[in-house]
Amino acid sequence: MPRVMFTISYGIKPELREQYIGLTKEMREHFTNVGRKNYSVFEAKARKNQFTEVFITNSLEEFDALEDNQDEVTEALVRRLEEFVDDEGMKYSTLVEAV
């Protein structure tokens, strides 16, 4: 079964950077410890305040269940995240392992 990498990329409002960093810690804690997800957040080396969240699932079925299995905490974290995102919005990408 191919693994799937799902990414969400966005810029954040510079004046909210510190609060955003705090939120990423909460998201990582919840998604990895409670939700048992393979989840990370990366900042672009050459573009400050440009971030990419990465979820890696072990199958297409697990990927399909990502959105279906959101609990109340996940929904609240996503709503909070939206407050930090700049006017460019979020960009989504889904990659399926080739080999």
N, C-alpha and C. Protein backbone atom coordinates (compact mmCIF):
# COMPACT_ATOMS: atom_id res chain seq x y z
N MET A 1 0.83 -1.18 0.00
CA MET A 1 0.00 0.00 0.00
C MET A 1 0.87 1.25 0.00
N PRO A 2 0.60 2.20 -0.88
CA PRO A 2 1.41 3.41 -0.90
C PRO A 2 1.08 4.34 0.27
N ARG A 3 2.12 4.99 0.77
CA ARG A 3 1.91 6.01 1.79
C ARG A 3 1.44 7.29 1.09
N VAL A 4 0.86 8.18 1.87
CA VAL A 4 0.37 9.44 1.34
C VAL A 4 0.94 10.58 2.20
N MET A 5 1.44 11.62 1.52
CA MET A 5 1.90 12.82 2.21
C MET A 5 0.93 13.95 1.87
N PHE A 6 0.33 14.52 2.89
CA PHE A 6 -0.61 15.62 2.73
C PHE A 6 0.02 16.85 3.34
N THR A 7 0.11 17.94 2.55
CA THR A 7 0.74 19.16 3.06
C THR A 7 -0.24 20.33 3.00
N ILE A 8 -0.07 21.22 3.95
CA ILE A 8 -0.83 22.47 3.99
C ILE A 8 0.21 23.57 4.16
N SER A 9 0.31 24.44 3.17
CA SER A 9 1.31 25.51 3.19
C SER A 9 0.62 26.87 3.28
N TYR A 10 1.25 27.77 4.04
CA TYR A 10 0.66 29.10 4.23
C TYR A 10 1.70 30.03 4.85
N GLY A 11 1.43 31.30 4.71
CA GLY A 11 2.20 32.31 5.43
C GLY A 11 1.39 32.78 6.61
N ILE A 12 2.07 33.26 7.62
CA ILE A 12 1.37 33.79 8.79
C ILE A 12 1.63 35.28 8.89
N LYS A 13 0.75 35.97 9.58
CA LYS A 13 0.91 37.40 9.82
C LYS A 13 2.10 37.58 10.76
N PRO A 14 3.10 38.36 10.33
CA PRO A 14 4.34 38.48 11.13
C PRO A 14 4.12 38.90 12.58
N GLU A 15 3.16 39.76 12.81
CA GLU A 15 2.93 40.24 14.18
C GLU A 15 2.34 39.17 15.09
N LEU A 16 1.89 38.05 14.51
CA LEU A 16 1.31 36.96 15.30
C LEU A 16 2.23 35.75 15.41
N ARG A 17 3.48 35.92 15.01
CA ARG A 17 4.42 34.79 14.96
C ARG A 17 4.53 34.04 16.29
N GLU A 18 4.75 34.74 17.38
CA GLU A 18 4.96 34.08 18.68
C GLU A 18 3.72 33.28 19.10
N GLN A 19 2.55 33.84 18.91
CA GLN A 19 1.33 33.10 19.24
C GLN A 19 1.17 31.89 18.34
N TYR A 20 1.55 32.04 17.05
CA TYR A 20 1.46 30.92 16.11
C TYR A 20 2.40 29.79 16.55
N ILE A 21 3.61 30.12 16.96
CA ILE A 21 4.57 29.10 17.41
C ILE A 21 3.98 28.34 18.59
N GLY A 22 3.32 29.04 19.50
CA GLY A 22 2.66 28.36 20.62
C GLY A 22 1.57 27.42 20.15
N LEU A 23 0.81 27.86 19.15
CA LEU A 23 -0.25 27.01 18.61
C LEU A 23 0.33 25.77 17.95
N THR A 24 1.46 25.89 17.24
CA THR A 24 2.04 24.72 16.59
C THR A 24 2.43 23.66 17.62
N LYS A 25 2.87 24.10 18.78
CA LYS A 25 3.21 23.14 19.84
C LYS A 25 1.96 22.39 20.30
N GLU A 26 0.86 23.11 20.44
CA GLU A 26 -0.41 22.47 20.81
C GLU A 26 -0.86 21.50 19.74
N MET A 27 -0.76 21.91 18.47
CA MET A 27 -1.18 21.04 17.37
C MET A 27 -0.34 19.77 17.33
N ARG A 28 0.97 19.93 17.46
CA ARG A 28 1.85 18.75 17.43
C ARG A 28 1.51 17.80 18.57
N GLU A 29 1.31 18.34 19.75
CA GLU A 29 0.96 17.52 20.91
C GLU A 29 -0.34 16.75 20.66
N HIS A 30 -1.34 17.46 20.18
CA HIS A 30 -2.64 16.81 19.98
C HIS A 30 -2.60 15.79 18.84
N PHE A 31 -2.05 16.21 17.69
CA PHE A 31 -2.07 15.32 16.53
C PHE A 31 -1.20 14.09 16.71
N THR A 32 -0.06 14.23 17.36
CA THR A 32 0.84 13.08 17.49
C THR A 32 0.50 12.21 18.70
N ASN A 33 0.19 12.82 19.83
CA ASN A 33 -0.05 12.03 21.04
C ASN A 33 -1.50 11.55 21.17
N VAL A 34 -2.44 12.41 20.86
CA VAL A 34 -3.85 12.04 21.00
C VAL A 34 -4.34 11.37 19.72
N GLY A 35 -4.07 12.02 18.58
CA GLY A 35 -4.57 11.51 17.31
C GLY A 35 -3.71 10.44 16.67
N ARG A 36 -2.51 10.23 17.23
CA ARG A 36 -1.57 9.22 16.70
C ARG A 36 -1.26 9.42 15.22
N LYS A 37 -1.09 10.69 14.83
CA LYS A 37 -0.78 11.03 13.45
C LYS A 37 0.72 11.26 13.30
N ASN A 38 1.25 10.99 12.11
CA ASN A 38 2.61 11.35 11.75
C ASN A 38 2.52 12.78 11.23
N TYR A 39 2.89 13.75 12.07
CA TYR A 39 2.63 15.16 11.80
C TYR A 39 3.85 15.99 12.16
N SER A 40 4.17 16.96 11.30
CA SER A 40 5.26 17.89 11.56
C SER A 40 4.92 19.25 10.96
N VAL A 41 5.60 20.29 11.46
CA VAL A 41 5.47 21.63 10.90
C VAL A 41 6.87 22.11 10.55
N PHE A 42 7.02 22.65 9.34
CA PHE A 42 8.30 23.14 8.87
C PHE A 42 8.17 24.60 8.45
N GLU A 43 9.26 25.37 8.66
CA GLU A 43 9.31 26.74 8.17
C GLU A 43 10.29 26.79 7.01
N ALA A 44 9.93 27.51 5.96
CA ALA A 44 10.80 27.64 4.80
C ALA A 44 12.09 28.34 5.20
N LYS A 45 13.21 27.78 4.83
CA LYS A 45 14.51 28.32 5.22
C LYS A 45 14.71 29.75 4.70
N ALA A 46 14.32 30.00 3.49
CA ALA A 46 14.58 31.30 2.87
C ALA A 46 13.40 32.27 2.96
N ARG A 47 12.30 31.83 3.56
CA ARG A 47 11.11 32.69 3.62
C ARG A 47 10.51 32.66 5.01
N LYS A 48 10.94 33.58 5.85
CA LYS A 48 10.44 33.64 7.21
C LYS A 48 8.91 33.77 7.21
N ASN A 49 8.30 33.10 8.14
CA ASN A 49 6.84 33.10 8.34
C ASN A 49 6.07 32.33 7.27
N GLN A 50 6.77 31.50 6.50
CA GLN A 50 6.13 30.60 5.54
C GLN A 50 6.25 29.18 6.09
N PHE A 51 5.12 28.55 6.36
CA PHE A 51 5.12 27.26 7.03
C PHE A 51 4.41 26.20 6.20
N THR A 52 4.80 24.95 6.43
CA THR A 52 4.14 23.81 5.81
C THR A 52 3.90 22.76 6.88
N GLU A 53 2.65 22.36 7.01
CA GLU A 53 2.30 21.24 7.88
C GLU A 53 2.32 19.99 7.02
N VAL A 54 2.85 18.90 7.58
CA VAL A 54 2.97 17.64 6.83
C VAL A 54 2.34 16.51 7.64
N PHE A 55 1.40 15.83 7.00
CA PHE A 55 0.83 14.61 7.55
C PHE A 55 1.27 13.47 6.63
N ILE A 56 1.78 12.39 7.20
CA ILE A 56 2.12 11.21 6.41
C ILE A 56 1.28 10.06 6.92
N THR A 57 0.54 9.44 6.00
CA THR A 57 -0.29 8.30 6.37
C THR A 57 0.26 7.04 5.71
N ASN A 58 -0.07 5.91 6.26
CA ASN A 58 0.44 4.64 5.76
C ASN A 58 -0.38 4.03 4.64
N SER A 59 -1.51 4.67 4.29
CA SER A 59 -2.36 4.14 3.23
C SER A 59 -3.32 5.23 2.75
N LEU A 60 -3.94 4.98 1.61
CA LEU A 60 -4.97 5.88 1.11
C LEU A 60 -6.18 5.91 2.05
N GLU A 61 -6.49 4.77 2.64
CA GLU A 61 -7.62 4.69 3.57
C GLU A 61 -7.38 5.55 4.81
N GLU A 62 -6.15 5.48 5.33
CA GLU A 62 -5.81 6.30 6.49
C GLU A 62 -5.88 7.79 6.11
N PHE A 63 -5.42 8.13 4.92
CA PHE A 63 -5.50 9.52 4.45
C PHE A 63 -6.96 9.96 4.36
N ASP A 64 -7.80 9.13 3.75
CA ASP A 64 -9.22 9.48 3.61
C ASP A 64 -9.88 9.70 4.96
N ALA A 65 -9.40 9.02 5.99
CA ALA A 65 -9.99 9.13 7.32
C ALA A 65 -9.52 10.37 8.08
N LEU A 66 -8.48 11.06 7.59
CA LEU A 66 -7.96 12.23 8.29
C LEU A 66 -9.06 13.25 8.60
N GLU A 67 -9.77 13.64 7.58
CA GLU A 67 -10.80 14.66 7.77
C GLU A 67 -12.03 14.10 8.48
N ASP A 68 -12.36 12.85 8.21
CA ASP A 68 -13.55 12.25 8.80
C ASP A 68 -13.42 12.05 10.31
N ASN A 69 -12.20 11.89 10.80
CA ASN A 69 -11.98 11.56 12.21
C ASN A 69 -11.54 12.75 13.05
N GLN A 70 -11.95 13.95 12.68
CA GLN A 70 -11.57 15.12 13.47
C GLN A 70 -12.45 15.23 14.71
N ASP A 71 -11.78 15.38 15.85
CA ASP A 71 -12.52 15.57 17.10
C ASP A 71 -12.71 17.08 17.34
N GLU A 72 -13.37 17.42 18.43
CA GLU A 72 -13.66 18.82 18.75
C GLU A 72 -12.39 19.63 18.95
N VAL A 73 -11.37 19.03 19.56
CA VAL A 73 -10.10 19.74 19.79
C VAL A 73 -9.44 20.06 18.46
N THR A 74 -9.42 19.10 17.55
CA THR A 74 -8.84 19.34 16.23
C THR A 74 -9.57 20.47 15.52
N GLU A 75 -10.86 20.45 15.55
CA GLU A 75 -11.65 21.51 14.90
C GLU A 75 -11.34 22.87 15.51
N ALA A 76 -11.19 22.94 16.83
CA ALA A 76 -10.87 24.20 17.50
C ALA A 76 -9.46 24.68 17.12
N LEU A 77 -8.50 23.75 17.03
CA LEU A 77 -7.14 24.12 16.64
C LEU A 77 -7.12 24.68 15.22
N VAL A 78 -7.85 24.07 14.32
CA VAL A 78 -7.90 24.54 12.94
C VAL A 78 -8.54 25.93 12.87
N ARG A 79 -9.59 26.17 13.63
CA ARG A 79 -10.21 27.50 13.65
C ARG A 79 -9.22 28.54 14.16
N ARG A 80 -8.47 28.21 15.20
CA ARG A 80 -7.47 29.14 15.73
C ARG A 80 -6.38 29.40 14.70
N LEU A 81 -5.94 28.35 14.01
CA LEU A 81 -4.90 28.50 13.00
C LEU A 81 -5.31 29.50 11.93
N GLU A 82 -6.56 29.45 11.51
CA GLU A 82 -7.04 30.33 10.44
C GLU A 82 -6.87 31.80 10.79
N GLU A 83 -6.85 32.14 12.08
CA GLU A 83 -6.66 33.53 12.51
C GLU A 83 -5.24 34.03 12.21
N PHE A 84 -4.28 33.13 12.12
CA PHE A 84 -2.88 33.51 11.92
C PHE A 84 -2.48 33.60 10.45
N VAL A 85 -3.23 32.96 9.58
CA VAL A 85 -2.86 32.84 8.17
C VAL A 85 -3.02 34.19 7.46
N ASP A 86 -2.02 34.54 6.64
CA ASP A 86 -2.06 35.80 5.92
C ASP A 86 -3.08 35.77 4.78
N ASP A 87 -3.16 36.86 4.03
CA ASP A 87 -4.18 36.99 2.98
C ASP A 87 -4.00 36.04 1.81
N GLU A 88 -2.83 35.42 1.69
CA GLU A 88 -2.59 34.47 0.59
C GLU A 88 -3.36 33.16 0.80
N GLY A 89 -3.77 32.89 2.03
CA GLY A 89 -4.53 31.69 2.32
C GLY A 89 -3.67 30.43 2.39
N MET A 90 -4.35 29.30 2.39
CA MET A 90 -3.69 28.00 2.52
C MET A 90 -3.67 27.29 1.17
N LYS A 91 -2.58 26.55 0.95
CA LYS A 91 -2.46 25.74 -0.26
C LYS A 91 -2.27 24.28 0.17
N TYR A 92 -3.01 23.40 -0.47
CA TYR A 92 -3.01 21.99 -0.11
C TYR A 92 -2.37 21.15 -1.21
N SER A 93 -1.68 20.10 -0.79
CA SER A 93 -1.08 19.19 -1.76
C SER A 93 -1.17 17.77 -1.20
N THR A 94 -1.51 16.83 -2.07
CA THR A 94 -1.57 15.42 -1.69
C THR A 94 -0.66 14.65 -2.62
N LEU A 95 0.32 13.94 -2.04
CA LEU A 95 1.28 13.17 -2.81
C LEU A 95 1.19 11.71 -2.41
N VAL A 96 1.13 10.84 -3.42
CA VAL A 96 1.04 9.41 -3.19
C VAL A 96 2.40 8.80 -3.51
N GLU A 97 2.91 7.97 -2.61
CA GLU A 97 4.21 7.34 -2.78
C GLU A 97 4.25 6.52 -4.07
N ALA A 98 5.29 6.73 -4.87
CA ALA A 98 5.38 6.09 -6.17
C ALA A 98 5.98 4.70 -6.10
N VAL A 99 6.87 4.47 -5.17
CA VAL A 99 7.55 3.17 -5.11
C VAL A 99 7.30 2.52 -3.78
